[in-house]
Amino acid sequence: MDDLTVWLLLALGGLVAGVINTLAGGGSLITVPLLVFMGLPATLANGTNRIGVLFQNVVSTWRFRREGLDGLREAIPVLIPTVAGSAIGAAIASRMSAELFKQIFGVAMIFLLIPMLRKK
């Protein structure tokens, strides 16, 4: 695959994932497998994906607040344990072997995909 094709696939995957993450979450189900398909190890693909997720969250929050949708005050009680859990989870994941991480991540992706595909 040539460089232009890789760049276009990654840009398209990032665009689709950004829209999905902003509307409902779950865009990582697109971007992480795409990054692995492009040759990145699963741990590096996951870490790289987190950078995109961070920027998507910042831009989404800014845009929602600009449109008058501000729930930050109500979110603080949930935000504190979420940040703590994220930090602990990241510390554990960063110490796993690449193979174990890949297996756990694959199973987690399947469990996350199931509810997204079910009709409500």
C-alpha atoms as a PDB file:
ATOM      1  CA  MET A   1       0.000   0.000   0.000  1.00  0.00           C
ATOM      2  CA  ASP A   2       1.466   3.391  -0.935  1.00  0.00           C
ATOM      3  CA  ASP A   3       1.804   6.292   1.507  1.00  0.00           C
ATOM      4  CA  LEU A   4      -1.068   8.290  -0.008  1.00  0.00           C
ATOM      5  CA  THR A   5      -3.470   5.358   0.398  1.00  0.00           C
ATOM      6  CA  VAL A   6      -2.386   4.864   4.012  1.00  0.00           C
ATOM      7  CA  TRP A   7      -2.859   8.575   4.778  1.00  0.00           C
ATOM      8  CA  LEU A   8      -6.283   8.623   3.119  1.00  0.00           C
ATOM      9  CA  LEU A   9      -7.457   5.499   4.976  1.00  0.00           C
ATOM     10  CA  LEU A  10      -6.256   6.873   8.304  1.00  0.00           C
ATOM     11  CA  ALA A  11      -7.845  10.287   7.644  1.00  0.00           C
ATOM     12  CA  LEU A  12     -11.158   8.705   6.649  1.00  0.00           C
ATOM     13  CA  GLY A  13     -11.080   6.371   9.664  1.00  0.00           C
ATOM     14  CA  GLY A  14     -10.298   9.312  11.943  1.00  0.00           C
ATOM     15  CA  LEU A  15     -13.136  11.367  10.479  1.00  0.00           C
ATOM     16  CA  VAL A  16     -15.695   8.580  10.875  1.00  0.00           C
ATOM     17  CA  ALA A  17     -14.462   7.772  14.389  1.00  0.00           C
ATOM     18  CA  GLY A  18     -14.582  11.453  15.367  1.00  0.00           C
ATOM     19  CA  VAL A  19     -18.217  11.723  14.331  1.00  0.00           C
ATOM     20  CA  ILE A  20     -19.115   8.463  16.086  1.00  0.00           C
ATOM     21  CA  ASN A  21     -17.262   9.473  19.268  1.00  0.00           C
ATOM     22  CA  THR A  22     -18.970  12.855  19.359  1.00  0.00           C
ATOM     23  CA  LEU A  23     -22.455  11.426  18.858  1.00  0.00           C
ATOM     24  CA  ALA A  24     -22.350   8.245  20.909  1.00  0.00           C
ATOM     25  CA  GLY A  25     -18.829   6.980  21.597  1.00  0.00           C
ATOM     26  CA  GLY A  26     -17.194   3.842  20.267  1.00  0.00           C
ATOM     27  CA  GLY A  27     -15.101   5.323  17.466  1.00  0.00           C
ATOM     28  CA  SER A  28     -12.116   3.391  18.781  1.00  0.00           C
ATOM     29  CA  LEU A  29     -13.773   0.289  17.348  1.00  0.00           C
ATOM     30  CA  ILE A  30     -12.769   1.756  13.981  1.00  0.00           C
ATOM     31  CA  THR A  31      -9.477   3.502  14.636  1.00  0.00           C
ATOM     32  CA  VAL A  32      -7.598   0.943  16.744  1.00  0.00           C
ATOM     33  CA  PRO A  33      -8.168  -1.988  14.355  1.00  0.00           C
ATOM     34  CA  LEU A  34      -7.310   0.328  11.448  1.00  0.00           C
ATOM     35  CA  LEU A  35      -4.023   1.336  13.094  1.00  0.00           C
ATOM     36  CA  VAL A  36      -3.214  -2.332  13.809  1.00  0.00           C
ATOM     37  CA  PHE A  37      -4.079  -3.191  10.191  1.00  0.00           C
ATOM     38  CA  MET A  38      -1.625  -0.488   9.107  1.00  0.00           C
ATOM     39  CA  GLY A  39       1.108  -2.253  11.051  1.00  0.00           C
ATOM     40  CA  LEU A  40       1.225  -0.685  14.508  1.00  0.00           C
ATOM     41  CA  PRO A  41       1.471  -3.015  17.511  1.00  0.00           C
ATOM     42  CA  ALA A  42      -1.809  -3.093  19.468  1.00  0.00           C
ATOM     43  CA  THR A  43      -0.359  -1.227  22.461  1.00  0.00           C
ATOM     44  CA  LEU A  44       0.994   1.576  20.274  1.00  0.00           C
ATOM     45  CA  ALA A  45      -2.244   1.708  18.263  1.00  0.00           C
ATOM     46  CA  ASN A  46      -4.234   2.082  21.481  1.00  0.00           C
ATOM     47  CA  GLY A  47      -1.938   4.812  22.812  1.00  0.00           C
ATOM     48  CA  THR A  48      -1.994   6.663  19.485  1.00  0.00           C
ATOM     49  CA  ASN A  49      -5.785   6.404  19.431  1.00  0.00           C
ATOM     50  CA  ARG A  50      -5.993   8.028  22.868  1.00  0.00           C
ATOM     51  CA  ILE A  51      -4.431  11.216  21.456  1.00  0.00           C
ATOM     52  CA  GLY A  52      -7.245  11.460  18.928  1.00  0.00           C
ATOM     53  CA  VAL A  53      -9.847  10.741  21.591  1.00  0.00           C
ATOM     54  CA  LEU A  54      -8.426  13.518  23.776  1.00  0.00           C
ATOM     55  CA  PHE A  55      -8.676  16.073  20.957  1.00  0.00           C
ATOM     56  CA  GLN A  56     -12.177  14.864  20.027  1.00  0.00           C
ATOM     57  CA  ASN A  57     -13.299  15.317  23.631  1.00  0.00           C
ATOM     58  CA  VAL A  58     -11.802  18.800  23.886  1.00  0.00           C
ATOM     59  CA  VAL A  59     -13.362  19.982  20.615  1.00  0.00           C
ATOM     60  CA  SER A  60     -16.731  18.330  21.367  1.00  0.00           C
ATOM     61  CA  THR A  61     -16.869  19.867  24.836  1.00  0.00           C
ATOM     62  CA  TRP A  62     -15.975  23.283  23.472  1.00  0.00           C
ATOM     63  CA  ARG A  63     -18.613  23.056  20.709  1.00  0.00           C
ATOM     64  CA  PHE A  64     -21.345  21.753  23.017  1.00  0.00           C
ATOM     65  CA  ARG A  65     -20.640  24.514  25.547  1.00  0.00           C
ATOM     66  CA  ARG A  66     -20.700  27.107  22.760  1.00  0.00           C
ATOM     67  CA  GLU A  67     -24.150  25.818  21.781  1.00  0.00           C
ATOM     68  CA  GLY A  68     -25.370  26.226  25.362  1.00  0.00           C
ATOM     69  CA  LEU A  69     -25.171  22.546  26.336  1.00  0.00           C
ATOM     70  CA  ASP A  70     -23.173  22.637  29.534  1.00  0.00           C
ATOM     71  CA  GLY A  71     -23.405  19.783  31.996  1.00  0.00           C
ATOM     72  CA  LEU A  72     -19.954  20.078  33.532  1.00  0.00           C
ATOM     73  CA  ARG A  73     -21.223  20.849  37.028  1.00  0.00           C
ATOM     74  CA  GLU A  74     -23.505  17.800  37.003  1.00  0.00           C
ATOM     75  CA  ALA A  75     -20.694  15.625  35.609  1.00  0.00           C
ATOM     76  CA  ILE A  76     -18.146  16.373  38.358  1.00  0.00           C
ATOM     77  CA  PRO A  77     -19.350  13.608  40.733  1.00  0.00           C
ATOM     78  CA  VAL A  78     -18.916  11.093  37.903  1.00  0.00           C
ATOM     79  CA  LEU A  79     -15.778  12.698  36.510  1.00  0.00           C
ATOM     80  CA  ILE A  80     -13.610  12.183  39.591  1.00  0.00           C
ATOM     81  CA  PRO A  81     -13.951   8.361  39.835  1.00  0.00           C
ATOM     82  CA  THR A  82     -13.776   8.111  36.022  1.00  0.00           C
ATOM     83  CA  VAL A  83     -10.434   9.938  35.901  1.00  0.00           C
ATOM     84  CA  ALA A  84      -9.103   7.840  38.799  1.00  0.00           C
ATOM     85  CA  GLY A  85     -10.220   4.600  37.122  1.00  0.00           C
ATOM     86  CA  SER A  86      -8.736   5.709  33.807  1.00  0.00           C
ATOM     87  CA  ALA A  87      -5.383   6.451  35.405  1.00  0.00           C
ATOM     88  CA  ILE A  88      -5.298   3.091  37.192  1.00  0.00           C
ATOM     89  CA  GLY A  89      -6.391   1.241  34.038  1.00  0.00           C
ATOM     90  CA  ALA A  90      -3.756   3.003  31.939  1.00  0.00           C
ATOM     91  CA  ALA A  91      -1.057   2.133  34.474  1.00  0.00           C
ATOM     92  CA  ILE A  92      -2.070  -1.538  34.419  1.00  0.00           C
ATOM     93  CA  ALA A  93      -2.351  -1.683  30.614  1.00  0.00           C
ATOM     94  CA  SER A  94       1.039  -0.051  30.127  1.00  0.00           C
ATOM     95  CA  ARG A  95       2.689  -2.830  32.164  1.00  0.00           C
ATOM     96  CA  MET A  96       1.090  -5.718  30.216  1.00  0.00           C
ATOM     97  CA  SER A  97       2.955  -7.649  27.580  1.00  0.00           C
ATOM     98  CA  ALA A  98       1.990  -6.713  24.032  1.00  0.00           C
ATOM     99  CA  GLU A  99       0.510 -10.164  23.428  1.00  0.00           C
ATOM    100  CA  LEU A 100      -1.653 -10.145  26.572  1.00  0.00           C
ATOM    101  CA  PHE A 101      -2.802  -6.599  25.809  1.00  0.00           C
ATOM    102  CA  LYS A 102      -3.748  -7.595  22.255  1.00  0.00           C
ATOM    103  CA  GLN A 103      -5.834 -10.536  23.504  1.00  0.00           C
ATOM    104  CA  ILE A 104      -7.620  -8.549  26.219  1.00  0.00           C
ATOM    105  CA  PHE A 105      -8.198  -5.640  23.866  1.00  0.00           C
ATOM    106  CA  GLY A 106      -9.638  -7.921  21.169  1.00  0.00           C
ATOM    107  CA  VAL A 107     -12.121  -9.470  23.589  1.00  0.00           C
ATOM    108  CA  ALA A 108     -13.064  -6.041  24.964  1.00  0.00           C
ATOM    109  CA  MET A 109     -13.697  -4.716  21.442  1.00  0.00           C
ATOM    110  CA  ILE A 110     -16.066  -7.600  20.732  1.00  0.00           C
ATOM    111  CA  PHE A 111     -18.005  -6.943  23.943  1.00  0.00           C
ATOM    112  CA  LEU A 112     -18.194  -3.224  23.105  1.00  0.00           C
ATOM    113  CA  LEU A 113     -19.323  -3.918  19.548  1.00  0.00           C
ATOM    114  CA  ILE A 114     -22.257  -6.171  20.519  1.00  0.00           C
ATOM    115  CA  PRO A 115     -24.427  -3.464  22.139  1.00  0.00           C
ATOM    116  CA  MET A 116     -23.661  -1.041  19.321  1.00  0.00           C
ATOM    117  CA  LEU A 117     -24.964  -3.466  16.693  1.00  0.00           C
ATOM    118  CA  ARG A 118     -28.150  -4.400  18.558  1.00  0.00           C
ATOM    119  CA  LYS A 119     -31.309  -2.581  17.564  1.00  0.00           C
ATOM    120  CA  LYS A 120     -32.862  -0.561  20.327  1.00  0.00           C
END
